[in-house]
């Protein structure tokens, strides 16, 4: 298996994991995607893509989202 395939596969799995964890944290707090996006200073569309695992957020954006949700980064990251 080519290394590029492994890297892309791992990126996809990581972004899906992060998205699921963010979604669960958001739902536990009864927040909408719009609420989190506003608190994190991003657009609803961008935040929704992060939750769906379509986009890997920058560290800066992820830090803002985690802070907005009041969770630890270790609660969201797969490592």
Protein backbone atom coordinates (compact mmCIF):
# COMPACT_ATOMS: atom_id res chain seq x y z
CA UNK A 1 0.00 0.00 0.00
CA UNK A 2 1.47 3.39 -0.97
CA UNK A 3 2.38 5.74 1.88
CA UNK A 4 0.26 8.56 0.46
CA UNK A 5 -2.81 6.33 0.76
CA UNK A 6 -2.05 5.60 4.42
CA UNK A 7 -1.59 9.31 5.18
CA UNK A 8 -4.88 10.26 3.51
CA UNK A 9 -6.68 7.40 5.26
CA UNK A 10 -5.37 8.50 8.66
CA UNK A 11 -6.34 12.13 7.98
CA UNK A 12 -9.87 11.03 7.13
CA UNK A 13 -10.18 8.91 10.26
CA UNK A 14 -8.79 11.70 12.44
CA UNK A 15 -11.11 14.35 11.04
CA UNK A 16 -14.13 12.06 11.43
CA UNK A 17 -13.16 11.28 15.02
CA UNK A 18 -12.70 14.97 15.88
CA UNK A 19 -16.02 15.84 14.26
CA UNK A 20 -17.89 13.17 16.19
CA UNK A 21 -16.37 14.21 19.49
CA UNK A 22 -17.21 17.87 18.86
CA UNK A 23 -20.76 16.98 17.91
CA UNK A 24 -21.24 14.91 21.06
CA UNK A 25 -19.86 17.70 23.26
CA UNK A 26 -22.11 20.24 21.55
CA UNK A 27 -25.21 18.10 21.94
CA UNK A 28 -24.49 17.40 25.62
CA UNK A 29 -24.67 21.15 26.16
CA UNK A 30 -27.79 21.60 24.01
CA UNK A 31 -25.98 24.01 21.69
CA UNK A 32 -26.62 24.45 18.00
CA UNK A 33 -23.89 24.50 15.40
CA UNK A 34 -24.62 28.21 15.03
CA UNK A 35 -24.04 28.74 18.76
CA UNK A 36 -20.64 27.05 18.67
CA UNK A 37 -19.61 28.75 15.44
CA UNK A 38 -20.43 32.16 16.90
CA UNK A 39 -18.55 31.47 20.13
CA UNK A 40 -15.56 30.15 18.20
CA UNK A 41 -15.53 32.99 15.68
CA UNK A 42 -16.10 30.89 12.59
CA UNK A 43 -18.96 30.40 10.17
CA UNK A 44 -21.74 27.86 10.66
CA UNK A 45 -20.86 26.29 7.32
CA UNK A 46 -17.22 25.81 8.30
CA UNK A 47 -18.11 24.41 11.72
CA UNK A 48 -20.65 22.01 10.17
CA UNK A 49 -17.97 20.72 7.79
CA UNK A 50 -15.65 20.13 10.75
CA UNK A 51 -18.35 18.12 12.54
CA UNK A 52 -18.96 16.05 9.40
CA UNK A 53 -15.24 15.34 9.09
CA UNK A 54 -15.01 17.07 5.73
CA UNK A 55 -12.49 19.65 6.94
CA UNK A 56 -9.54 19.37 9.29
CA UNK A 57 -9.59 22.50 11.46
CA UNK A 58 -6.44 24.49 12.03
CA UNK A 59 -5.03 24.26 15.53
CA UNK A 60 -6.10 27.85 16.16
CA UNK A 61 -9.69 27.11 15.13
CA UNK A 62 -9.79 23.85 17.05
CA UNK A 63 -8.55 25.63 20.17
CA UNK A 64 -11.34 28.20 19.85
CA UNK A 65 -13.98 25.49 19.35
CA UNK A 66 -12.75 23.47 22.33
CA UNK A 67 -12.80 26.60 24.47
CA UNK A 68 -16.30 27.48 23.25
CA UNK A 69 -17.52 24.00 24.20
CA UNK A 70 -15.70 24.04 27.52
CA UNK A 71 -13.97 20.72 26.93
CA UNK A 72 -10.33 19.65 26.97
CA UNK A 73 -8.51 19.04 23.71
CA UNK A 74 -7.77 15.52 24.95
CA UNK A 75 -11.52 14.90 24.96
CA UNK A 76 -11.61 15.62 21.23
CA UNK A 77 -8.31 14.42 19.80
CA UNK A 78 -7.74 10.73 19.06
CA UNK A 79 -4.33 10.64 20.75
